[in-house]
Amino acid sequence: MPMSTIDDTLSNAHAILAGAQAKIDQLRNINPFFIDLSLRENPVGARVGQTLQDKLAILPKVREFGFDSILLGTLDYSMPDELEVDDDFMMYLRDHQIDMTGCYAFTDIGLVNDAGEFTPSPSMLKLRDYGVPNTLHEIYLSQDGMSGQYDFATLRRSLPASIAWLQQNIRGDHGGAPKILINVVDGCDAFADNPSETIEILQLLAQQPIFGLSMEDDRGTYLPFQVGAFVAVARSCLPSPLKLLVHMHAGGGFENASVLEALLNGADGAWGGLPKRAAIIGHASLGELIANLVRVGNPHMAQNYQLDQLLPLATGLQVLDEEEAVPDDLPILGHNAYRLPLSFFRQRPDRFMDLIPEAIGGTYRYRICPVVSDAAVIAGRLAEVTGEPASNFGQPVLEQMIRLMRRELRAGERIVYDQPEQLMALYQRAVHSLTDTQSPQ
């Protein structure tokens, strides 16, 4: 290859790598705005949910972790007369004069009829009556989302009236104006199938006295680059200081990549629960997002949050909602996320993009996989099971255990060596087989 071609290739490669580094720097420097939904998002999709007493116990925990903005619940739209635990919770906080600074509730908009008369929704009246200072005020903008609720003309005239009512009737933090975030529930659908009317509404919102905009991928079906494009368009319509937040569900497995792509394209932050559990099979949880920002070296995470509580708090909340263990193989937060099957996979504090478990309040453990587990992993698992130091288990015995696992699997024996009783039986077989070979004939 000619020297000029080699130089051009090298120069191009460096430019590509520099582009990736610029994105890392952007994620490293962002100080994102989060709204914690551990009191609502997680129990929505849970087997059990949360009682009033559960919620009263959770609120101070998420405050202590570091969240300043917390959603208390949803003021149900479809059956407003049939109260939920969320209603009881907000009324309890009001009646016992518990500080609701930084707290939000979901509301839906009121409507202006053909005669120009505005009627606030029941959820807006509850927000006022319960004394919640801020709201995520929900609208739909896709054709399917609006269908059966309102047409576009009704939405367009109702939205400013709904915002004005909130400004006049809701007492915000410390007696100031309420923080109103307009949440487009079907935000990604709206950009995909109804972009012109969606952009028209965003331009309208840019002139309103709101705190910002939130948009969802409510089924988790859009690819990260699509989410990034939608966010970039929204940001162009809603310049700072208006906030732009996202919420990504896990339908297609893109959720964490999508929220990072959103941040790179102008989003200020996200809302979600601390655990993974969500309305469907999961979401880009704040626990995962915080951990991934720690991974890229973002200093604001350690300054703002009690990172040593991240893992135990997130998993504890999910166990509360589900009354069963967090799935073992869940990335970052699952039981097996930091159980090493092979020493090669160990993440180190001195290697860029590695996230050691201790950084988020966890610790390394060990998992025996007969095909790959090495001597160090086997020693670590033996130490867990026996309580003895890993150094007590000699290299010859550990290597013999590896040999026996291979031989037994080749012989068609399928044994779960990770189970304590099977591990100890394997250990004894290894000791005895070594003793037998070393005994004088």
Protein backbone atom coordinates (compact mmCIF):
# COMPACT_ATOMS: atom_id res chain seq x y z
CA MET A 1 0.00 0.00 0.00
CA PRO A 2 1.43 3.45 -0.91
CA MET A 3 2.61 5.56 2.00
CA SER A 4 0.05 8.33 1.27
CA THR A 5 -2.78 5.79 1.44
CA ILE A 6 -1.49 4.44 4.76
CA ASP A 7 -1.26 7.97 6.13
CA ASP A 8 -4.80 8.78 4.96
CA THR A 9 -6.17 5.60 6.54
CA LEU A 10 -4.41 6.34 9.82
CA SER A 11 -5.64 9.94 9.82
CA ASN A 12 -9.19 8.80 9.14
CA ALA A 13 -8.97 6.20 11.89
CA HIS A 14 -7.82 8.81 14.40
CA ALA A 15 -10.69 11.09 13.37
CA ILE A 16 -13.21 8.29 13.92
CA LEU A 17 -11.73 7.47 17.34
CA ALA A 18 -11.74 11.16 18.26
CA GLY A 19 -15.44 11.30 17.46
CA ALA A 20 -16.11 8.42 19.85
CA GLN A 21 -13.98 10.10 22.52
CA ALA A 22 -15.97 13.32 22.12
CA LYS A 23 -19.14 11.36 22.95
CA ILE A 24 -17.48 9.83 26.00
CA ASP A 25 -16.44 13.31 27.14
CA GLN A 26 -19.99 14.55 26.69
CA LEU A 27 -21.38 11.74 28.85
CA ARG A 28 -18.59 12.24 31.37
CA ASN A 29 -19.36 15.93 31.81
CA ILE A 30 -23.16 15.94 31.80
CA ASN A 31 -24.92 16.58 35.11
CA PRO A 32 -28.25 14.97 34.25
CA PHE A 33 -31.64 15.85 35.68
CA PHE A 34 -33.41 12.77 37.06
CA ILE A 35 -36.90 12.17 38.38
CA ASP A 36 -37.05 8.99 40.43
CA LEU A 37 -40.11 6.78 39.85
CA SER A 38 -39.34 3.98 42.28
CA LEU A 39 -42.70 4.72 43.92
CA ARG A 40 -44.65 4.26 40.68
CA GLU A 41 -42.81 2.80 37.66
CA ASN A 42 -41.59 -0.33 39.42
CA PRO A 43 -44.84 -1.42 41.13
CA VAL A 44 -46.86 -0.91 37.90
CA GLY A 45 -45.37 -4.05 36.35
CA ALA A 46 -44.76 -5.93 39.59
CA ARG A 47 -46.51 -9.08 40.80
CA VAL A 48 -47.44 -7.46 44.10
CA GLY A 49 -46.88 -3.69 44.22
CA GLN A 50 -46.58 -1.36 47.20
CA THR A 51 -48.82 -0.64 50.18
CA LEU A 52 -49.10 2.76 51.83
CA GLN A 53 -46.62 1.68 54.49
CA ASP A 54 -44.21 0.49 51.82
CA LYS A 55 -44.33 3.89 50.11
CA LEU A 56 -43.83 5.77 53.35
CA ALA A 57 -40.70 3.67 53.96
CA ILE A 58 -39.36 4.08 50.41
CA LEU A 59 -39.66 7.88 50.14
CA PRO A 60 -36.93 8.72 52.70
CA LYS A 61 -34.67 6.02 51.25
CA VAL A 62 -34.68 7.47 47.74
CA ARG A 63 -34.22 10.97 49.19
CA GLU A 64 -31.26 9.75 51.24
CA PHE A 65 -29.78 8.12 48.12
CA GLY A 66 -29.70 11.57 46.53
CA PHE A 67 -32.82 12.11 44.45
CA ASP A 68 -34.19 15.66 44.71
CA SER A 69 -37.01 15.09 42.22
CA ILE A 70 -39.38 12.21 42.99
CA LEU A 71 -42.67 11.17 41.46
CA LEU A 72 -45.20 10.19 44.10
CA GLY A 73 -47.67 8.46 41.81
CA THR A 74 -50.27 8.70 39.07
CA LEU A 75 -53.65 10.32 39.69
CA ASP A 76 -55.65 7.70 37.82
CA TYR A 77 -57.42 8.93 34.72
CA SER A 78 -59.75 6.09 33.77
CA MET A 79 -61.42 5.50 37.17
CA PRO A 80 -60.71 8.65 39.20
CA ASP A 81 -63.47 7.87 41.70
CA GLU A 82 -61.86 4.55 42.69
CA LEU A 83 -58.90 5.68 44.75
CA GLU A 84 -55.54 3.91 44.66
CA VAL A 85 -52.65 3.59 47.09
CA ASP A 86 -51.09 6.53 45.24
CA ASP A 87 -54.04 8.70 46.35
CA ASP A 88 -53.75 7.48 49.94
CA PHE A 89 -50.03 8.20 49.88
CA MET A 90 -50.36 11.79 48.68
CA MET A 91 -53.20 12.50 51.10
CA TYR A 92 -51.12 11.08 53.95
CA LEU A 93 -48.15 13.30 53.05
CA ARG A 94 -50.49 16.31 52.92
CA ASP A 95 -52.32 15.51 56.14
CA HIS A 96 -49.13 14.84 58.08
CA GLN A 97 -47.36 17.87 56.61
CA ILE A 98 -44.52 15.77 55.22
CA ASP A 99 -42.25 17.79 52.93
CA MET A 100 -43.18 17.31 49.26
CA THR A 101 -40.52 19.64 47.87
CA GLY A 102 -39.36 18.34 44.49
CA CYS A 103 -42.26 15.91 44.25
CA TYR A 104 -44.37 15.29 41.16
CA ALA A 105 -47.51 13.40 40.16
CA PHE A 106 -48.75 12.34 36.74
CA THR A 107 -51.82 14.21 35.51
CA ASP A 108 -53.72 14.32 32.23
CA ILE A 109 -54.82 17.53 30.56
CA GLY A 110 -58.13 19.31 30.87
CA LEU A 111 -60.09 20.15 27.71
CA VAL A 112 -61.58 23.23 26.08
CA ASN A 113 -64.92 22.48 24.40
CA ASP A 114 -66.27 23.97 21.19
CA ALA A 115 -67.76 26.86 23.16
CA GLY A 116 -64.35 27.76 24.55
CA GLU A 117 -65.07 26.51 28.07
CA PHE A 118 -62.21 24.82 29.93
CA THR A 119 -62.75 21.90 32.30
CA PRO A 120 -59.80 20.65 34.35
CA SER A 121 -59.37 16.88 34.49
CA PRO A 122 -60.10 15.02 37.76
CA SER A 123 -56.36 14.37 38.07
CA MET A 124 -55.63 18.11 37.98
CA LEU A 125 -58.16 18.71 40.76
CA LYS A 126 -56.55 15.95 42.82
CA LEU A 127 -53.08 17.47 42.26
CA ARG A 128 -54.39 20.74 43.70
CA ASP A 129 -56.29 19.11 46.56
CA TYR A 130 -53.40 16.83 47.58
CA GLY A 131 -50.90 19.71 47.59
CA VAL A 132 -48.41 18.09 45.22
CA PRO A 133 -46.24 20.94 43.90
CA ASN A 134 -45.21 19.70 40.42
CA THR A 135 -46.53 17.53 37.62
CA LEU A 136 -45.71 15.43 34.61
CA HIS A 137 -48.72 16.51 32.52
CA GLU A 138 -49.49 13.86 29.91
CA ILE A 139 -50.58 14.20 26.30
CA TYR A 140 -50.64 11.99 23.20
CA LEU A 141 -49.55 13.15 19.76
CA SER A 142 -49.62 10.09 17.49
CA GLN A 143 -52.77 9.43 15.49
CA ASP A 144 -53.46 6.23 17.45
CA GLY A 145 -52.71 7.92 20.77
CA MET A 146 -55.11 10.81 20.21
CA SER A 147 -57.86 8.58 18.83
CA GLY A 148 -60.81 8.37 21.21
CA GLN A 149 -59.44 11.12 23.46
CA TYR A 150 -59.33 14.32 21.41
CA ASP A 151 -58.59 15.54 17.93
CA PHE A 152 -55.59 17.69 17.18
CA ALA A 153 -57.55 20.97 17.13
CA THR A 154 -58.96 20.25 20.59
CA LEU A 155 -55.52 19.37 21.92
CA ARG A 156 -53.98 22.50 20.48
CA ARG A 157 -56.48 24.85 22.12
CA SER A 158 -56.66 22.82 25.37
CA LEU A 159 -52.95 22.59 26.11
CA PRO A 160 -52.32 26.30 26.84
CA ALA A 161 -55.53 26.46 28.90
CA SER A 162 -54.50 23.39 30.91
CA ILE A 163 -51.06 24.86 31.59
CA ALA A 164 -52.61 28.18 32.62
CA TRP A 165 -54.96 26.43 35.07
CA LEU A 166 -52.03 24.62 36.67
CA GLN A 167 -50.06 27.84 36.97
CA GLN A 168 -53.01 29.53 38.68
CA ASN A 169 -54.09 26.71 40.98
CA ILE A 170 -51.02 24.69 41.95
CA ARG A 171 -48.64 25.93 44.61
CA GLY A 172 -45.15 24.90 43.63
CA ASP A 173 -42.03 24.23 45.70
CA HIS A 174 -41.68 26.74 48.55
CA GLY A 175 -44.80 28.55 47.35
CA GLY A 176 -43.46 29.35 43.88
CA ALA A 177 -44.73 28.36 40.46
CA PRO A 178 -45.24 24.65 39.76
CA LYS A 179 -42.79 22.80 37.57
CA ILE A 180 -44.84 21.53 34.65
CA LEU A 181 -43.24 18.91 32.41
CA ILE A 182 -45.38 18.00 29.43
CA ASN A 183 -44.97 14.26 28.97
CA VAL A 184 -45.65 12.96 25.47
CA VAL A 185 -46.56 9.37 26.35
CA ASP A 186 -46.30 8.23 22.73
CA GLY A 187 -43.42 10.56 21.89
CA CYS A 188 -41.49 8.22 19.60
CA ASP A 189 -44.68 7.11 17.82
CA ALA A 190 -45.62 10.77 17.37
CA PHE A 191 -42.34 11.65 15.66
CA ALA A 192 -42.54 8.53 13.51
CA ASP A 193 -46.12 8.84 12.24
CA ASN A 194 -47.20 12.42 12.89
CA PRO A 195 -44.09 14.63 12.72
CA SER A 196 -45.69 17.84 11.41
CA GLU A 197 -48.33 18.13 14.13
CA THR A 198 -45.84 16.98 16.76
CA ILE A 199 -43.40 19.73 15.82
CA GLU A 200 -46.26 22.25 15.80
CA ILE A 201 -47.11 21.32 19.41
CA LEU A 202 -43.46 21.54 20.47
CA GLN A 203 -43.21 25.00 18.97
CA LEU A 204 -46.35 25.95 20.88
CA LEU A 205 -44.90 24.57 24.11
CA ALA A 206 -41.73 26.61 23.63
CA GLN A 207 -43.87 29.71 24.25
CA GLN A 208 -45.60 28.34 27.36
CA PRO A 209 -44.61 28.78 31.05
CA ILE A 210 -43.46 25.17 31.50
CA PHE A 211 -40.41 23.52 33.01
CA GLY A 212 -39.84 21.35 29.97
CA LEU A 213 -40.81 18.30 27.94
CA SER A 214 -40.63 14.57 28.52
CA MET A 215 -41.01 11.94 25.81
CA GLU A 216 -41.33 8.17 25.96
CA ASP A 217 -40.73 5.10 23.88
CA ASP A 218 -43.64 3.51 25.68
CA ARG A 219 -43.24 0.02 24.14
CA GLY A 220 -39.44 0.06 23.77
CA THR A 221 -39.55 -0.66 20.03
CA TYR A 222 -37.53 2.16 18.46
CA LEU A 223 -33.83 1.79 17.66
CA PRO A 224 -31.34 4.03 19.48
CA PHE A 225 -30.48 6.10 16.39
CA GLN A 226 -34.21 6.79 15.89
CA VAL A 227 -34.56 7.93 19.49
CA GLY A 228 -31.51 10.15 19.03
CA ALA A 229 -33.04 11.74 15.95
CA PHE A 230 -36.38 12.37 17.71
CA VAL A 231 -34.60 13.96 20.67
CA ALA A 232 -32.48 16.15 18.40
CA VAL A 233 -35.62 17.47 16.70
CA ALA A 234 -37.30 18.10 20.06
CA ARG A 235 -34.21 19.93 21.32
CA SER A 236 -34.21 22.16 18.25
CA CYS A 237 -37.80 23.18 19.09
CA LEU A 238 -37.24 23.52 22.84
CA PRO A 239 -33.95 25.27 23.58
CA SER A 240 -32.45 25.48 27.06
CA PRO A 241 -33.26 26.27 29.80
CA LEU A 242 -36.35 24.15 29.06
CA LYS A 243 -35.67 20.61 30.28
CA LEU A 244 -35.87 17.68 27.88
CA LEU A 245 -36.24 14.25 29.51
CA VAL A 246 -36.74 10.74 28.17
CA HIS A 247 -38.17 7.46 29.42
CA MET A 248 -37.29 4.25 27.57
CA HIS A 249 -38.98 0.88 27.97
CA ALA A 250 -37.21 -2.42 27.29
CA GLY A 251 -39.37 -4.02 24.62
CA GLY A 252 -36.59 -4.57 22.08
CA GLY A 253 -33.60 -4.58 24.41
CA PHE A 254 -32.38 -1.16 23.26
CA GLU A 255 -33.36 0.83 26.34
CA ASN A 256 -29.98 1.69 27.88
CA ALA A 257 -28.41 2.41 24.51
CA SER A 258 -31.40 4.59 23.63
CA VAL A 259 -31.19 6.71 26.76
CA LEU A 260 -27.46 7.29 26.21
CA GLU A 261 -28.18 8.22 22.60
CA ALA A 262 -30.82 10.65 23.86
CA LEU A 263 -28.30 12.31 26.18
CA LEU A 264 -25.83 12.63 23.31
CA ASN A 265 -28.49 14.32 21.18
CA GLY A 266 -29.56 16.98 23.64
CA ALA A 267 -31.66 15.38 26.37
CA ASP A 268 -31.03 16.79 29.85
CA GLY A 269 -31.86 13.60 31.70
CA ALA A 270 -34.37 10.84 32.26
CA TRP A 271 -37.06 9.59 34.58
CA GLY A 272 -37.52 6.06 35.78
CA GLY A 273 -37.35 3.77 38.77
CA LEU A 274 -34.10 2.81 40.44
CA PRO A 275 -34.63 -0.94 39.85
CA LYS A 276 -35.07 -2.53 36.41
CA ARG A 277 -38.70 -3.60 36.86
CA ALA A 278 -41.16 -1.45 34.92
CA ALA A 279 -44.59 -1.34 33.35
CA ILE A 280 -43.69 -4.07 30.84
CA ILE A 281 -40.53 -6.23 30.95
CA GLY A 282 -38.22 -3.48 32.19
CA HIS A 283 -36.93 -0.03 31.36
CA ALA A 284 -33.76 2.04 31.22
CA SER A 285 -33.70 2.33 34.98
CA LEU A 286 -31.98 5.16 36.76
CA GLY A 287 -29.90 2.54 38.58
CA GLU A 288 -28.48 1.29 35.28
CA LEU A 289 -28.03 4.80 33.88
CA ILE A 290 -26.18 6.03 36.96
CA ALA A 291 -23.95 2.95 36.87
CA ASN A 292 -23.15 3.48 33.20
CA LEU A 293 -22.31 7.14 33.79
CA VAL A 294 -19.98 6.01 36.59
CA ARG A 295 -18.47 3.63 34.02
CA VAL A 296 -17.46 6.53 31.75
CA GLY A 297 -16.01 8.50 34.66
CA ASN A 298 -18.81 11.01 35.28
CA PRO A 299 -17.88 12.76 38.57
CA HIS A 300 -21.38 14.11 39.24
CA MET A 301 -22.69 10.65 40.11
CA ALA A 302 -20.44 10.34 43.16
CA GLN A 303 -21.13 13.95 44.13
CA ASN A 304 -24.92 13.65 43.87
CA TYR A 305 -25.70 10.08 44.92
CA GLN A 306 -24.77 7.57 47.60
CA LEU A 307 -23.23 5.13 45.14
CA ASP A 308 -22.37 2.59 47.83
CA GLN A 309 -26.15 2.14 48.25
CA LEU A 310 -27.03 1.83 44.56
CA LEU A 311 -26.94 -1.94 44.18
CA PRO A 312 -28.49 -2.93 47.53
CA LEU A 313 -31.18 -0.24 47.31
CA ALA A 314 -32.19 -1.02 43.71
CA THR A 315 -32.35 -4.76 44.24
CA GLY A 316 -34.08 -4.38 47.60
CA LEU A 317 -36.83 -2.26 46.07
CA GLN A 318 -37.41 -4.78 43.28
CA VAL A 319 -37.63 -7.67 45.74
CA LEU A 320 -40.20 -5.65 47.71
CA ASP A 321 -42.36 -5.08 44.62
CA GLU A 322 -42.08 -8.63 43.29
CA GLU A 323 -41.78 -10.75 46.44
CA GLU A 324 -39.20 -12.76 44.50
CA ALA A 325 -35.53 -12.39 43.69
CA VAL A 326 -34.15 -10.11 41.00
CA PRO A 327 -33.46 -12.21 37.85
CA ASP A 328 -29.99 -13.67 38.21
CA ASP A 329 -28.72 -12.66 34.79
CA LEU A 330 -29.91 -9.06 34.80
CA PRO A 331 -26.98 -6.83 33.74
CA ILE A 332 -25.55 -4.52 36.41
CA LEU A 333 -28.20 -5.27 39.06
CA GLY A 334 -28.64 -9.05 38.80
CA HIS A 335 -27.22 -11.69 41.16
CA ASN A 336 -24.90 -13.05 38.46
CA ALA A 337 -23.74 -9.68 37.14
CA TYR A 338 -20.71 -9.85 39.42
CA ARG A 339 -20.36 -13.60 39.91
CA LEU A 340 -17.22 -14.50 37.99
CA PRO A 341 -17.24 -17.73 35.98
CA LEU A 342 -13.69 -17.05 34.67
CA SER A 343 -10.97 -14.75 36.00
CA PHE A 344 -10.51 -13.19 32.55
CA PHE A 345 -13.89 -11.45 32.92
CA ARG A 346 -12.96 -9.60 36.10
CA GLN A 347 -13.41 -5.84 35.76
CA ARG A 348 -10.64 -3.68 37.19
CA PRO A 349 -10.60 -0.17 38.65
CA ASP A 350 -7.56 0.81 36.57
CA ARG A 351 -9.10 -0.10 33.19
CA PHE A 352 -11.25 2.43 31.36
CA MET A 353 -14.93 1.47 30.93
CA ASP A 354 -14.75 -1.28 33.55
CA LEU A 355 -17.18 -0.91 36.44
CA ILE A 356 -16.15 -2.84 39.52
CA PRO A 357 -19.03 -3.93 41.79
CA GLU A 358 -17.61 -2.01 44.75
CA ALA A 359 -18.26 1.25 42.81
CA ILE A 360 -22.02 0.71 43.19
CA GLY A 361 -22.16 -1.01 46.55
CA GLY A 362 -21.57 -4.60 45.45
CA THR A 363 -18.81 -7.16 45.68
CA TYR A 364 -17.36 -9.87 43.45
CA ARG A 365 -18.55 -13.43 43.95
CA TYR A 366 -17.91 -16.63 42.03
CA ARG A 367 -19.92 -19.02 39.87
CA ILE A 368 -18.76 -22.46 38.76
CA CYS A 369 -19.26 -23.16 35.06
CA PRO A 370 -17.64 -26.52 34.29
CA VAL A 371 -16.57 -25.60 30.75
CA VAL A 372 -14.52 -22.50 31.64
CA SER A 373 -14.04 -21.92 35.36
CA ASP A 374 -10.37 -21.65 36.31
CA ALA A 375 -8.53 -22.39 39.55
CA ALA A 376 -8.95 -18.88 40.99
CA VAL A 377 -12.71 -18.96 40.47
CA ILE A 378 -13.02 -22.41 41.99
CA ALA A 379 -10.98 -21.29 45.01
CA GLY A 380 -13.20 -18.23 45.39
CA ARG A 381 -16.37 -20.32 45.28
CA LEU A 382 -14.94 -22.80 47.78
CA ALA A 383 -14.16 -19.88 50.09
CA GLU A 384 -17.76 -18.67 49.81
CA VAL A 385 -19.16 -22.10 50.58
CA THR A 386 -16.78 -23.08 53.39
CA GLY A 387 -15.92 -19.72 54.94
CA GLU A 388 -12.23 -20.54 54.67
CA PRO A 389 -9.73 -18.28 52.85
CA ALA A 390 -9.28 -19.05 49.17
CA SER A 391 -5.56 -19.46 49.83
CA ASN A 392 -6.32 -22.60 51.87
CA PHE A 393 -7.11 -24.54 48.69
CA GLY A 394 -4.00 -25.79 46.96
CA GLN A 395 -3.35 -25.45 43.24
CA PRO A 396 -3.03 -29.22 42.60
CA VAL A 397 -6.49 -29.89 44.06
CA LEU A 398 -8.04 -26.99 42.14
CA GLU A 399 -6.53 -28.21 38.87
CA GLN A 400 -7.73 -31.73 39.61
CA MET A 401 -11.24 -30.38 40.11
CA ILE A 402 -11.05 -28.85 36.62
CA ARG A 403 -9.87 -32.18 35.18
CA LEU A 404 -12.68 -34.08 36.90
CA MET A 405 -15.34 -31.65 35.66
CA ARG A 406 -14.12 -32.13 32.10
CA ARG A 407 -13.98 -35.92 32.43
CA GLU A 408 -17.40 -36.17 34.02
CA LEU A 409 -19.01 -33.95 31.38
CA ARG A 410 -17.37 -36.02 28.62
CA ALA A 411 -18.84 -39.10 30.29
CA GLY A 412 -22.30 -37.58 29.96
CA GLU A 413 -22.70 -36.53 33.59
CA ARG A 414 -24.55 -33.18 33.92
CA ILE A 415 -23.76 -31.87 37.40
CA VAL A 416 -24.46 -28.40 38.78
CA TYR A 417 -21.09 -27.95 40.48
CA ASP A 418 -22.03 -24.44 41.59
CA GLN A 419 -24.37 -25.93 44.19
CA PRO A 420 -22.53 -26.14 47.52
CA GLU A 421 -23.10 -29.86 48.08
CA GLN A 422 -21.99 -30.73 44.54
CA LEU A 423 -18.96 -28.45 44.81
CA MET A 424 -17.84 -30.07 48.05
CA ALA A 425 -18.38 -33.54 46.60
CA LEU A 426 -16.21 -32.56 43.63
CA TYR A 427 -13.57 -31.23 45.99
CA GLN A 428 -13.52 -34.49 47.95
CA ARG A 429 -13.25 -36.54 44.74
CA ALA A 430 -10.30 -34.40 43.66
CA VAL A 431 -8.54 -34.80 47.02
CA HIS A 432 -9.09 -38.56 47.04
CA SER A 433 -8.00 -39.04 43.43
CA LEU A 434 -4.78 -37.11 44.10
CA THR A 435 -4.18 -39.10 47.27
CA ASP A 436 -4.70 -42.36 45.39
CA THR A 437 -2.20 -41.43 42.67
CA GLN A 438 0.37 -40.34 45.23
CA SER A 439 0.01 -43.46 47.44
CA PRO A 440 2.87 -46.00 47.15
CA GLN A 441 1.94 -49.05 45.06
